[in-house]
Amino acid sequence: MLNTGESLKLFRLVPVAAPNDSNWDVAENMGEVVVRAFSPADARVVAAQAELDFTEIDSMPAEGNSTRDASAFRNERLYAVREQKPTIDIRQEGPRGVVEGTVSVATIKPTQVL
């Protein structure tokens, strides 16, 4: 686990691109997601880590070629990161990770071998 000596904060990742923006052609819009992370950059990493990676299933690309860097959450044209104040339902205390919203793990469809 990452430990920088900082305490975790809440961040909301919000889609900012229009639905017809061509950047969505390579990534799925998962709506708003709230995460506990150390910084806005770490919030993008936390959200991306919640997604399914090609190396976790029997699909191309393989051989250790991760797709985490291609996550929509890492694209500033698709998602903005805003600090979120704690609420009754969303507490700042807790483990690093996604605390609200749904990160789809079914964004990658296995390819068929012809």
PDB file of N, CA and C in Angstrom:
ATOM      1  N   MET A   1       0.833  -1.188   0.000  1.00  0.00           N
ATOM      2  CA  MET A   1       0.000   0.000   0.000  1.00  0.00           C
ATOM      3  C   MET A   1       0.873   1.245   0.000  1.00  0.00           C
ATOM      4  N   LEU A   2       0.465   2.227  -0.752  1.00  0.00           N
ATOM      5  CA  LEU A   2       1.158   3.497  -0.833  1.00  0.00           C
ATOM      6  C   LEU A   2       1.040   4.230   0.492  1.00  0.00           C
ATOM      7  N   ASN A   3       2.143   4.724   1.046  1.00  0.00           N
ATOM      8  CA  ASN A   3       2.095   5.473   2.293  1.00  0.00           C
ATOM      9  C   ASN A   3       3.029   6.658   2.172  1.00  0.00           C
ATOM     10  N   THR A   4       2.457   7.836   2.047  1.00  0.00           N
ATOM     11  CA  THR A   4       3.255   9.044   1.889  1.00  0.00           C
ATOM     12  C   THR A   4       3.300   9.869   3.166  1.00  0.00           C
ATOM     13  N   GLY A   5       2.686   9.364   4.244  1.00  0.00           N
ATOM     14  CA  GLY A   5       2.602  10.138   5.469  1.00  0.00           C
ATOM     15  C   GLY A   5       1.420  11.092   5.466  1.00  0.00           C
ATOM     16  N   GLU A   6       0.749  11.213   4.335  1.00  0.00           N
ATOM     17  CA  GLU A   6      -0.427  12.068   4.231  1.00  0.00           C
ATOM     18  C   GLU A   6      -1.665  11.273   4.608  1.00  0.00           C
ATOM     19  N   SER A   7      -2.707  12.001   5.024  1.00  0.00           N
ATOM     20  CA  SER A   7      -3.962  11.311   5.288  1.00  0.00           C
ATOM     21  C   SER A   7      -4.783  11.272   4.001  1.00  0.00           C
ATOM     22  N   LEU A   8      -5.654  10.299   3.931  1.00  0.00           N
ATOM     23  CA  LEU A   8      -6.502  10.149   2.757  1.00  0.00           C
ATOM     24  C   LEU A   8      -7.568  11.244   2.724  1.00  0.00           C
ATOM     25  N   LYS A   9      -7.912  11.647   1.521  1.00  0.00           N
ATOM     26  CA  LYS A   9      -8.960  12.633   1.302  1.00  0.00           C
ATOM     27  C   LYS A   9      -9.987  12.021   0.359  1.00  0.00           C
ATOM     28  N   LEU A  10     -11.133  12.643   0.274  1.00  0.00           N
ATOM     29  CA  LEU A  10     -12.164  12.209  -0.658  1.00  0.00           C
ATOM     30  C   LEU A  10     -12.074  13.029  -1.936  1.00  0.00           C
ATOM     31  N   PHE A  11     -12.198  12.351  -3.072  1.00  0.00           N
ATOM     32  CA  PHE A  11     -12.197  13.027  -4.368  1.00  0.00           C
ATOM     33  C   PHE A  11     -13.331  12.476  -5.217  1.00  0.00           C
ATOM     34  N   ARG A  12     -13.991  13.360  -5.947  1.00  0.00           N
ATOM     35  CA  ARG A  12     -15.061  12.979  -6.867  1.00  0.00           C
ATOM     36  C   ARG A  12     -14.521  13.123  -8.284  1.00  0.00           C
ATOM     37  N   LEU A  13     -14.597  12.049  -9.053  1.00  0.00           N
ATOM     38  CA  LEU A  13     -14.223  12.077 -10.469  1.00  0.00           C
ATOM     39  C   LEU A  13     -15.497  12.278 -11.255  1.00  0.00           C
ATOM     40  N   VAL A  14     -15.533  13.346 -12.060  1.00  0.00           N
ATOM     41  CA  VAL A  14     -16.737  13.770 -12.766  1.00  0.00           C
ATOM     42  C   VAL A  14     -16.474  13.798 -14.269  1.00  0.00           C
ATOM     43  N   PRO A  15     -17.335  13.144 -15.059  1.00  0.00           N
ATOM     44  CA  PRO A  15     -17.163  13.223 -16.517  1.00  0.00           C
ATOM     45  C   PRO A  15     -17.354  14.670 -16.984  1.00  0.00           C
ATOM     46  N   VAL A  16     -16.441  15.160 -17.816  1.00  0.00           N
ATOM     47  CA  VAL A  16     -16.529  16.543 -18.296  1.00  0.00           C
ATOM     48  C   VAL A  16     -16.673  16.631 -19.814  1.00  0.00           C
ATOM     49  N   ALA A  17     -16.431  15.545 -20.509  1.00  0.00           N
ATOM     50  CA  ALA A  17     -16.543  15.548 -21.973  1.00  0.00           C
ATOM     51  C   ALA A  17     -17.996  15.336 -22.382  1.00  0.00           C
ATOM     52  N   ALA A  18     -18.373  15.921 -23.479  1.00  0.00           N
ATOM     53  CA  ALA A  18     -19.722  15.736 -24.032  1.00  0.00           C
ATOM     54  C   ALA A  18     -19.908  14.268 -24.414  1.00  0.00           C
ATOM     55  N   PRO A  19     -21.143  13.772 -24.351  1.00  0.00           N
ATOM     56  CA  PRO A  19     -21.389  12.367 -24.703  1.00  0.00           C
ATOM     57  C   PRO A  19     -20.911  11.983 -26.098  1.00  0.00           C
ATOM     58  N   ASN A  20     -20.891  12.942 -27.028  1.00  0.00           N
ATOM     59  CA  ASN A  20     -20.457  12.648 -28.393  1.00  0.00           C
ATOM     60  C   ASN A  20     -18.967  12.937 -28.624  1.00  0.00           C
ATOM     61  N   ASP A  21     -18.222  13.252 -27.576  1.00  0.00           N
ATOM     62  CA  ASP A  21     -16.787  13.516 -27.686  1.00  0.00           C
ATOM     63  C   ASP A  21     -16.073  12.254 -28.176  1.00  0.00           C
ATOM     64  N   SER A  22     -15.205  12.399 -29.143  1.00  0.00           N
ATOM     65  CA  SER A  22     -14.517  11.243 -29.735  1.00  0.00           C
ATOM     66  C   SER A  22     -13.603  10.526 -28.731  1.00  0.00           C
ATOM     67  N   ASN A  23     -13.228  11.179 -27.642  1.00  0.00           N
ATOM     68  CA  ASN A  23     -12.399  10.518 -26.631  1.00  0.00           C
ATOM     69  C   ASN A  23     -13.131   9.358 -25.961  1.00  0.00           C
ATOM     70  N   TRP A  24     -14.470   9.382 -25.969  1.00  0.00           N
ATOM     71  CA  TRP A  24     -15.238   8.270 -25.394  1.00  0.00           C
ATOM     72  C   TRP A  24     -15.189   7.030 -26.281  1.00  0.00           C
ATOM     73  N   ASP A  25     -14.666   7.149 -27.484  1.00  0.00           N
ATOM     74  CA  ASP A  25     -14.574   5.994 -28.377  1.00  0.00           C
ATOM     75  C   ASP A  25     -13.649   4.908 -27.824  1.00  0.00           C
ATOM     76  N   VAL A  26     -12.714   5.300 -26.979  1.00  0.00           N
ATOM     77  CA  VAL A  26     -11.748   4.339 -26.450  1.00  0.00           C
ATOM     78  C   VAL A  26     -11.957   4.033 -24.969  1.00  0.00           C
ATOM     79  N   ALA A  27     -12.973   4.632 -24.367  1.00  0.00           N
ATOM     80  CA  ALA A  27     -13.208   4.424 -22.940  1.00  0.00           C
ATOM     81  C   ALA A  27     -14.688   4.569 -22.627  1.00  0.00           C
ATOM     82  N   GLU A  28     -15.123   3.854 -21.595  1.00  0.00           N
ATOM     83  CA  GLU A  28     -16.523   3.892 -21.197  1.00  0.00           C
ATOM     84  C   GLU A  28     -16.751   4.983 -20.157  1.00  0.00           C
ATOM     85  N   ASN A  29     -17.843   5.734 -20.292  1.00  0.00           N
ATOM     86  CA  ASN A  29     -18.246   6.726 -19.299  1.00  0.00           C
ATOM     87  C   ASN A  29     -18.923   5.979 -18.153  1.00  0.00           C
ATOM     88  N   MET A  30     -18.347   6.052 -16.970  1.00  0.00           N
ATOM     89  CA  MET A  30     -18.894   5.340 -15.817  1.00  0.00           C
ATOM     90  C   MET A  30     -19.592   6.270 -14.845  1.00  0.00           C
ATOM     91  N   GLY A  31     -19.846   7.501 -15.279  1.00  0.00           N
ATOM     92  CA  GLY A  31     -20.519   8.441 -14.389  1.00  0.00           C
ATOM     93  C   GLY A  31     -19.586   8.927 -13.295  1.00  0.00           C
ATOM     94  N   GLU A  32     -20.168   9.508 -12.264  1.00  0.00           N
ATOM     95  CA  GLU A  32     -19.375  10.049 -11.159  1.00  0.00           C
ATOM     96  C   GLU A  32     -18.960   8.937 -10.202  1.00  0.00           C
ATOM     97  N   VAL A  33     -17.735   9.065  -9.711  1.00  0.00           N
ATOM     98  CA  VAL A  33     -17.177   8.088  -8.784  1.00  0.00           C
ATOM     99  C   VAL A  33     -16.465   8.861  -7.679  1.00  0.00           C
ATOM    100  N   VAL A  34     -16.649   8.431  -6.430  1.00  0.00           N
ATOM    101  CA  VAL A  34     -15.944   9.037  -5.297  1.00  0.00           C
ATOM    102  C   VAL A  34     -14.932   8.024  -4.779  1.00  0.00           C
ATOM    103  N   VAL A  35     -13.703   8.510  -4.545  1.00  0.00           N
ATOM    104  CA  VAL A  35     -12.634   7.644  -4.047  1.00  0.00           C
ATOM    105  C   VAL A  35     -11.943   8.279  -2.849  1.00  0.00           C
ATOM    106  N   ARG A  36     -11.304   7.433  -2.039  1.00  0.00           N
ATOM    107  CA  ARG A  36     -10.385   7.909  -1.002  1.00  0.00           C
ATOM    108  C   ARG A  36      -8.991   7.762  -1.576  1.00  0.00           C
ATOM    109  N   ALA A  37      -8.246   8.855  -1.565  1.00  0.00           N
ATOM    110  CA  ALA A  37      -6.910   8.844  -2.150  1.00  0.00           C
ATOM    111  C   ALA A  37      -6.058   9.915  -1.486  1.00  0.00           C
ATOM    112  N   PHE A  38      -4.776   9.916  -1.809  1.00  0.00           N
ATOM    113  CA  PHE A  38      -3.852  10.884  -1.226  1.00  0.00           C
ATOM    114  C   PHE A  38      -3.856  12.229  -1.940  1.00  0.00           C
ATOM    115  N   SER A  39      -4.163  12.219  -3.246  1.00  0.00           N
ATOM    116  CA  SER A  39      -4.092  13.441  -4.051  1.00  0.00           C
ATOM    117  C   SER A  39      -5.016  13.281  -5.259  1.00  0.00           C
ATOM    118  N   PRO A  40      -5.239  14.370  -6.011  1.00  0.00           N
ATOM    119  CA  PRO A  40      -6.034  14.233  -7.233  1.00  0.00           C
ATOM    120  C   PRO A  40      -5.430  13.219  -8.214  1.00  0.00           C
ATOM    121  N   ALA A  41      -4.124  13.215  -8.358  1.00  0.00           N
ATOM    122  CA  ALA A  41      -3.479  12.244  -9.261  1.00  0.00           C
ATOM    123  C   ALA A  41      -3.671  10.823  -8.743  1.00  0.00           C
ATOM    124  N   ASP A  42      -3.545  10.639  -7.439  1.00  0.00           N
ATOM    125  CA  ASP A  42      -3.757   9.320  -6.850  1.00  0.00           C
ATOM    126  C   ASP A  42      -5.218   8.900  -6.992  1.00  0.00           C
ATOM    127  N   ALA A  43      -6.146   9.843  -6.975  1.00  0.00           N
ATOM    128  CA  ALA A  43      -7.569   9.531  -7.163  1.00  0.00           C
ATOM    129  C   ALA A  43      -7.795   8.901  -8.537  1.00  0.00           C
ATOM    130  N   ARG A  44      -7.123   9.415  -9.550  1.00  0.00           N
ATOM    131  CA  ARG A  44      -7.227   8.827 -10.897  1.00  0.00           C
ATOM    132  C   ARG A  44      -6.695   7.390 -10.901  1.00  0.00           C
ATOM    133  N   VAL A  45      -5.595   7.164 -10.209  1.00  0.00           N
ATOM    134  CA  VAL A  45      -4.998   5.830 -10.136  1.00  0.00           C
ATOM    135  C   VAL A  45      -5.939   4.869  -9.405  1.00  0.00           C
ATOM    136  N   VAL A  46      -6.505   5.315  -8.286  1.00  0.00           N
ATOM    137  CA  VAL A  46      -7.416   4.470  -7.504  1.00  0.00           C
ATOM    138  C   VAL A  46      -8.607   4.043  -8.355  1.00  0.00           C
ATOM    139  N   ALA A  47      -9.208   4.983  -9.074  1.00  0.00           N
ATOM    140  CA  ALA A  47     -10.362   4.657  -9.922  1.00  0.00           C
ATOM    141  C   ALA A  47      -9.954   3.708 -11.048  1.00  0.00           C
ATOM    142  N   ALA A  48      -8.810   3.952 -11.662  1.00  0.00           N
ATOM    143  CA  ALA A  48      -8.343   3.090 -12.752  1.00  0.00           C
ATOM    144  C   ALA A  48      -8.041   1.677 -12.252  1.00  0.00           C
ATOM    145  N   GLN A  49      -7.522   1.563 -11.036  1.00  0.00           N
ATOM    146  CA  GLN A  49      -7.212   0.246 -10.482  1.00  0.00           C
ATOM    147  C   GLN A  49      -8.468  -0.582 -10.222  1.00  0.00           C
ATOM    148  N   ALA A  50      -9.611   0.082 -10.082  1.00  0.00           N
ATOM    149  CA  ALA A  50     -10.865  -0.636  -9.848  1.00  0.00           C
ATOM    150  C   ALA A  50     -11.401  -1.273 -11.127  1.00  0.00           C
ATOM    151  N   GLU A  51     -10.914  -0.817 -12.280  1.00  0.00           N
ATOM    152  CA  GLU A  51     -11.346  -1.378 -13.560  1.00  0.00           C
ATOM    153  C   GLU A  51     -10.652  -2.710 -13.830  1.00  0.00           C
ATOM    154  N   LEU A  52     -11.281  -3.510 -14.659  1.00  0.00           N
ATOM    155  CA  LEU A  52     -10.686  -4.762 -15.096  1.00  0.00           C
ATOM    156  C   LEU A  52      -9.527  -4.459 -16.044  1.00  0.00           C
ATOM    157  N   ASP A  53      -8.439  -5.166 -15.869  1.00  0.00           N
ATOM    158  CA  ASP A  53      -7.266  -5.008 -16.724  1.00  0.00           C
ATOM    159  C   ASP A  53      -7.168  -6.227 -17.640  1.00  0.00           C
ATOM    160  N   PHE A  54      -6.731  -6.025 -18.872  1.00  0.00           N
ATOM    161  CA  PHE A  54      -6.596  -7.136 -19.814  1.00  0.00           C
ATOM    162  C   PHE A  54      -5.744  -8.275 -19.252  1.00  0.00           C
ATOM    163  N   THR A  55      -4.756  -7.958 -18.431  1.00  0.00           N
ATOM    164  CA  THR A  55      -3.895  -9.013 -17.912  1.00  0.00           C
ATOM    165  C   THR A  55      -4.599  -9.881 -16.881  1.00  0.00           C
ATOM    166  N   GLU A  56      -5.811  -9.472 -16.436  1.00  0.00           N
ATOM    167  CA  GLU A  56      -6.558 -10.240 -15.443  1.00  0.00           C
ATOM    168  C   GLU A  56      -7.520 -11.247 -16.077  1.00  0.00           C
ATOM    169  N   ILE A  57      -7.660 -11.191 -17.386  1.00  0.00           N
ATOM    170  CA  ILE A  57      -8.540 -12.130 -18.083  1.00  0.00           C
ATOM    171  C   ILE A  57      -7.780 -12.744 -19.251  1.00  0.00           C
ATOM    172  N   ASP A  58      -8.350 -13.739 -19.846  1.00  0.00           N
ATOM    173  CA  ASP A  58      -7.718 -14.431 -20.966  1.00  0.00           C
ATOM    174  C   ASP A  58      -8.098 -13.735 -22.270  1.00  0.00           C
ATOM    175  N   SER A  59      -7.539 -12.540 -22.482  1.00  0.00           N
ATOM    176  CA  SER A  59      -7.895 -11.743 -23.648  1.00  0.00           C
ATOM    177  C   SER A  59      -6.693 -10.943 -24.095  1.00  0.00           C
ATOM    178  N   MET A  60      -6.704 -10.475 -25.321  1.00  0.00           N
ATOM    179  CA  MET A  60      -5.610  -9.652 -25.838  1.00  0.00           C
ATOM    180  C   MET A  60      -5.767  -8.231 -25.328  1.00  0.00           C
ATOM    181  N   PRO A  61      -4.740  -7.417 -25.135  1.00  0.00           N
ATOM    182  CA  PRO A  61      -3.351  -7.849 -25.205  1.00  0.00           C
ATOM    183  C   PRO A  61      -2.976  -8.674 -23.980  1.00  0.00           C
ATOM    184  N   ALA A  62      -1.974  -9.488 -24.144  1.00  0.00           N
ATOM    185  CA  ALA A  62      -1.525 -10.339 -23.042  1.00  0.00           C
ATOM    186  C   ALA A  62      -0.035 -10.154 -22.850  1.00  0.00           C
ATOM    187  N   GLU A  63       0.571 -11.117 -22.222  1.00  0.00           N
ATOM    188  CA  GLU A  63       2.014 -11.078 -21.992  1.00  0.00           C
ATOM    189  C   GLU A  63       2.450  -9.857 -21.189  1.00  0.00           C
ATOM    190  N   GLY A  64       1.634  -9.444 -20.203  1.00  0.00           N
ATOM    191  CA  GLY A  64       2.043  -8.360 -19.313  1.00  0.00           C
ATOM    192  C   GLY A  64       1.782  -6.961 -19.827  1.00  0.00           C
ATOM    193  N   ASN A  65       1.008  -6.808 -20.895  1.00  0.00           N
ATOM    194  CA  ASN A  65       0.696  -5.481 -21.420  1.00  0.00           C
ATOM    195  C   ASN A  65      -0.544  -4.951 -20.721  1.00  0.00           C
ATOM    196  N   SER A  66      -0.349  -4.128 -19.708  1.00  0.00           N
ATOM    197  CA  SER A  66      -1.466  -3.621 -18.916  1.00  0.00           C
ATOM    198  C   SER A  66      -2.246  -2.561 -19.688  1.00  0.00           C
ATOM    199  N   THR A  67      -3.545  -2.495 -19.411  1.00  0.00           N
ATOM    200  CA  THR A  67      -4.396  -1.470 -20.028  1.00  0.00           C
ATOM    201  C   THR A  67      -4.804  -0.406 -19.010  1.00  0.00           C
ATOM    202  N   ARG A  68      -4.262  -0.442 -17.803  1.00  0.00           N
ATOM    203  CA  ARG A  68      -4.645   0.524 -16.760  1.00  0.00           C
ATOM    204  C   ARG A  68      -4.360   1.978 -17.174  1.00  0.00           C
ATOM    205  N   ASP A  69      -3.285   2.200 -17.906  1.00  0.00           N
ATOM    206  CA  ASP A  69      -2.946   3.570 -18.305  1.00  0.00           C
ATOM    207  C   ASP A  69      -3.935   4.139 -19.313  1.00  0.00           C
ATOM    208  N   ALA A  70      -4.740   3.290 -19.944  1.00  0.00           N
ATOM    209  CA  ALA A  70      -5.719   3.742 -20.935  1.00  0.00           C
ATOM    210  C   ALA A  70      -7.076   4.046 -20.313  1.00  0.00           C
ATOM    211  N   SER A  71      -7.189   4.000 -19.013  1.00  0.00           N
ATOM    212  CA  SER A  71      -8.455   4.238 -18.325  1.00  0.00           C
ATOM    213  C   SER A  71      -8.984   5.639 -18.592  1.00  0.00           C
ATOM    214  N   ALA A  72     -10.291   5.753 -18.734  1.00  0.00           N
ATOM    215  CA  ALA A  72     -10.928   7.068 -18.896  1.00  0.00           C
ATOM    216  C   ALA A  72     -10.654   7.958 -17.693  1.00  0.00           C
ATOM    217  N   PHE A  73     -10.533   7.362 -16.508  1.00  0.00           N
ATOM    218  CA  PHE A  73     -10.293   8.149 -15.302  1.00  0.00           C
ATOM    219  C   PHE A  73      -8.953   8.879 -15.340  1.00  0.00           C
ATOM    220  N   ARG A  74      -8.018   8.390 -16.120  1.00  0.00           N
ATOM    221  CA  ARG A  74      -6.710   9.040 -16.236  1.00  0.00           C
ATOM    222  C   ARG A  74      -6.677  10.143 -17.293  1.00  0.00           C
ATOM    223  N   ASN A  75      -7.738  10.244 -18.077  1.00  0.00           N
ATOM    224  CA  ASN A  75      -7.788  11.213 -19.170  1.00  0.00           C
ATOM    225  C   ASN A  75      -8.432  12.511 -18.690  1.00  0.00           C
ATOM    226  N   GLU A  76      -7.660  13.587 -18.644  1.00  0.00           N
ATOM    227  CA  GLU A  76      -8.162  14.882 -18.167  1.00  0.00           C
ATOM    228  C   GLU A  76      -9.219  15.474 -19.090  1.00  0.00           C
ATOM    229  N   ARG A  77      -9.272  15.016 -20.334  1.00  0.00           N
ATOM    230  CA  ARG A  77     -10.310  15.491 -21.254  1.00  0.00           C
ATOM    231  C   ARG A  77     -11.652  14.814 -20.972  1.00  0.00           C
ATOM    232  N   LEU A  78     -11.611  13.666 -20.302  1.00  0.00           N
ATOM    233  CA  LEU A  78     -12.836  12.927 -20.009  1.00  0.00           C
ATOM    234  C   LEU A  78     -13.330  13.134 -18.579  1.00  0.00           C
ATOM    235  N   TYR A  79     -12.415  13.151 -17.625  1.00  0.00           N
ATOM    236  CA  TYR A  79     -12.789  13.262 -16.210  1.00  0.00           C
ATOM    237  C   TYR A  79     -12.024  14.382 -15.519  1.00  0.00           C
ATOM    238  N   ALA A  80     -12.746  15.139 -14.694  1.00  0.00           N
ATOM    239  CA  ALA A  80     -12.139  16.118 -13.794  1.00  0.00           C
ATOM    240  C   ALA A  80     -12.140  15.508 -12.397  1.00  0.00           C
ATOM    241  N   VAL A  81     -11.192  15.926 -11.572  1.00  0.00           N
ATOM    242  CA  VAL A  81     -11.119  15.450 -10.195  1.00  0.00           C
ATOM    243  C   VAL A  81     -11.343  16.647  -9.282  1.00  0.00           C
ATOM    244  N   ARG A  82     -12.315  16.494  -8.380  1.00  0.00           N
ATOM    245  CA  ARG A  82     -12.653  17.560  -7.437  1.00  0.00           C
ATOM    246  C   ARG A  82     -12.613  17.010  -6.018  1.00  0.00           C
ATOM    247  N   GLU A  83     -12.068  17.802  -5.098  1.00  0.00           N
ATOM    248  CA  GLU A  83     -12.078  17.351  -3.710  1.00  0.00           C
ATOM    249  C   GLU A  83     -13.518  17.321  -3.206  1.00  0.00           C
ATOM    250  N   GLN A  84     -13.842  16.299  -2.451  1.00  0.00           N
ATOM    251  CA  GLN A  84     -15.201  16.059  -1.946  1.00  0.00           C
ATOM    252  C   GLN A  84     -15.187  16.226  -0.430  1.00  0.00           C
ATOM    253  N   LYS A  85     -16.120  16.990   0.106  1.00  0.00           N
ATOM    254  CA  LYS A  85     -16.259  17.108   1.558  1.00  0.00           C
ATOM    255  C   LYS A  85     -16.920  15.838   2.100  1.00  0.00           C
ATOM    256  N   PRO A  86     -16.517  15.396   3.272  1.00  0.00           N
ATOM    257  CA  PRO A  86     -17.181  14.230   3.871  1.00  0.00           C
ATOM    258  C   PRO A  86     -18.660  14.537   4.137  1.00  0.00           C
ATOM    259  N   THR A  87     -19.471  13.504   4.077  1.00  0.00           N
ATOM    260  CA  THR A  87     -20.897  13.624   4.382  1.00  0.00           C
ATOM    261  C   THR A  87     -21.265  12.519   5.367  1.00  0.00           C
ATOM    262  N   ILE A  88     -22.518  12.485   5.755  1.00  0.00           N
ATOM    263  CA  ILE A  88     -22.972  11.416   6.649  1.00  0.00           C
ATOM    264  C   ILE A  88     -22.786  10.057   5.983  1.00  0.00           C
ATOM    265  N   ASP A  89     -23.047   9.997   4.676  1.00  0.00           N
ATOM    266  CA  ASP A  89     -22.950   8.739   3.946  1.00  0.00           C
ATOM    267  C   ASP A  89     -21.544   8.419   3.447  1.00  0.00           C
ATOM    268  N   ILE A  90     -20.730   9.452   3.258  1.00  0.00           N
ATOM    269  CA  ILE A  90     -19.372   9.249   2.725  1.00  0.00           C
ATOM    270  C   ILE A  90     -18.374   9.813   3.729  1.00  0.00           C
ATOM    271  N   ARG A  91     -17.749   8.918   4.469  1.00  0.00           N
ATOM    272  CA  ARG A  91     -16.800   9.331   5.496  1.00  0.00           C
ATOM    273  C   ARG A  91     -15.392   9.387   4.934  1.00  0.00           C
ATOM    274  N   GLN A  92     -14.604  10.308   5.456  1.00  0.00           N
ATOM    275  CA  GLN A  92     -13.223  10.426   5.007  1.00  0.00           C
ATOM    276  C   GLN A  92     -12.374   9.278   5.540  1.00  0.00           C
ATOM    277  N   GLU A  93     -12.701   8.779   6.713  1.00  0.00           N
ATOM    278  CA  GLU A  93     -11.940   7.685   7.301  1.00  0.00           C
ATOM    279  C   GLU A  93     -12.256   6.383   6.575  1.00  0.00           C
ATOM    280  N   GLY A  94     -11.236   5.600   6.374  1.00  0.00           N
ATOM    281  CA  GLY A  94     -11.419   4.312   5.725  1.00  0.00           C
ATOM    282  C   GLY A  94     -10.257   4.013   4.807  1.00  0.00           C
ATOM    283  N   PRO A  95     -10.324   2.870   4.147  1.00  0.00           N
ATOM    284  CA  PRO A  95      -9.215   2.461   3.277  1.00  0.00           C
ATOM    285  C   PRO A  95      -9.203   3.220   1.950  1.00  0.00           C
ATOM    286  N   ARG A  96      -8.049   3.262   1.330  1.00  0.00           N
ATOM    287  CA  ARG A  96      -7.876   3.839   0.004  1.00  0.00           C
ATOM    288  C   ARG A  96      -8.668   2.999  -0.988  1.00  0.00           C
ATOM    289  N   GLY A  97      -9.522   3.647  -1.796  1.00  0.00           N
ATOM    290  CA  GLY A  97     -10.302   2.915  -2.773  1.00  0.00           C
ATOM    291  C   GLY A  97     -11.564   3.650  -3.172  1.00  0.00           C
ATOM    292  N   VAL A  98     -12.379   3.004  -3.991  1.00  0.00           N
ATOM    293  CA  VAL A  98     -13.652   3.564  -4.452  1.00  0.00           C
ATOM    294  C   VAL A  98     -14.654   3.442  -3.312  1.00  0.00           C
ATOM    295  N   VAL A  99     -15.344   4.553  -2.995  1.00  0.00           N
ATOM    296  CA  VAL A  99     -16.326   4.537  -1.909  1.00  0.00           C
ATOM    297  C   VAL A  99     -17.749   4.808  -2.379  1.00  0.00           C
ATOM    298  N   GLU A 100     -17.906   5.350  -3.579  1.00  0.00           N
ATOM    299  CA  GLU A 100     -19.244   5.583  -4.121  1.00  0.00           C
ATOM    300  C   GLU A 100     -19.171   5.579  -5.639  1.00  0.00           C
ATOM    301  N   GLY A 101     -20.217   5.049  -6.250  1.00  0.00           N
ATOM    302  CA  GLY A 101     -20.259   4.951  -7.698  1.00  0.00           C
ATOM    303  C   GLY A 101     -19.949   3.533  -8.132  1.00  0.00           C
ATOM    304  N   THR A 102     -20.123   3.298  -9.387  1.00  0.00           N
ATOM    305  CA  THR A 102     -19.888   1.964  -9.924  1.00  0.00           C
ATOM    306  C   THR A 102     -18.824   2.022 -10.996  1.00  0.00           C
ATOM    307  N   VAL A 103     -17.778   1.262 -10.792  1.00  0.00           N
ATOM    308  CA  VAL A 103     -16.736   1.125 -11.791  1.00  0.00           C
ATOM    309  C   VAL A 103     -16.972  -0.222 -12.454  1.00  0.00           C
ATOM    310  N   SER A 104     -17.292  -0.176 -13.725  1.00  0.00           N
ATOM    311  CA  SER A 104     -17.620  -1.401 -14.446  1.00  0.00           C
ATOM    312  C   SER A 104     -16.374  -2.240 -14.656  1.00  0.00           C
ATOM    313  N   VAL A 105     -16.503  -3.512 -14.351  1.00  0.00           N
ATOM    314  CA  VAL A 105     -15.395  -4.429 -14.623  1.00  0.00           C
ATOM    315  C   VAL A 105     -15.676  -5.231 -15.884  1.00  0.00           C
ATOM    316  N   ALA A 106     -16.779  -4.929 -16.563  1.00  0.00           N
ATOM    317  CA  ALA A 106     -17.149  -5.662 -17.773  1.00  0.00           C
ATOM    318  C   ALA A 106     -16.914  -4.812 -19.017  1.00  0.00           C
ATOM    319  N   THR A 107     -15.945  -3.906 -18.969  1.00  0.00           N
ATOM    320  CA  THR A 107     -15.695  -3.024 -20.095  1.00  0.00           C
ATOM    321  C   THR A 107     -14.904  -3.697 -21.198  1.00  0.00           C
ATOM    322  N   ILE A 108     -14.302  -4.838 -20.881  1.00  0.00           N
ATOM    323  CA  ILE A 108     -13.469  -5.541 -21.847  1.00  0.00           C
ATOM    324  C   ILE A 108     -14.150  -6.850 -22.212  1.00  0.00           C
ATOM    325  N   LYS A 109     -14.358  -7.061 -23.482  1.00  0.00           N
ATOM    326  CA  LYS A 109     -14.973  -8.300 -23.933  1.00  0.00           C
ATOM    327  C   LYS A 109     -13.882  -9.216 -24.477  1.00  0.00           C
ATOM    328  N   PRO A 110     -13.871 -10.464 -24.046  1.00  0.00           N
ATOM    329  CA  PRO A 110     -12.856 -11.385 -24.569  1.00  0.00           C
ATOM    330  C   PRO A 110     -12.971 -11.488 -26.090  1.00  0.00           C
ATOM    331  N   THR A 111     -11.828 -11.550 -26.733  1.00  0.00           N
ATOM    332  CA  THR A 111     -11.819 -11.679 -28.194  1.00  0.00           C
ATOM    333  C   THR A 111     -11.940 -13.145 -28.571  1.00  0.00           C
ATOM    334  N   GLN A 112     -12.537 -13.390 -29.711  1.00  0.00           N
ATOM    335  CA  GLN A 112     -12.668 -14.756 -30.199  1.00  0.00           C
ATOM    336  C   GLN A 112     -11.489 -15.073 -31.103  1.00  0.00           C
ATOM    337  N   VAL A 113     -10.979 -16.266 -30.963  1.00  0.00           N
ATOM    338  CA  VAL A 113      -9.909 -16.712 -31.832  1.00  0.00           C
ATOM    339  C   VAL A 113     -10.549 -17.320 -33.053  1.00  0.00           C
ATOM    340  N   LEU A 114     -10.186 -16.817 -34.212  1.00  0.00           N
ATOM    341  CA  LEU A 114     -10.770 -17.321 -35.466  1.00  0.00           C
ATOM    342  C   LEU A 114      -9.922 -18.417 -36.042  1.00  0.00           C
TER     343      LEU A 114
END
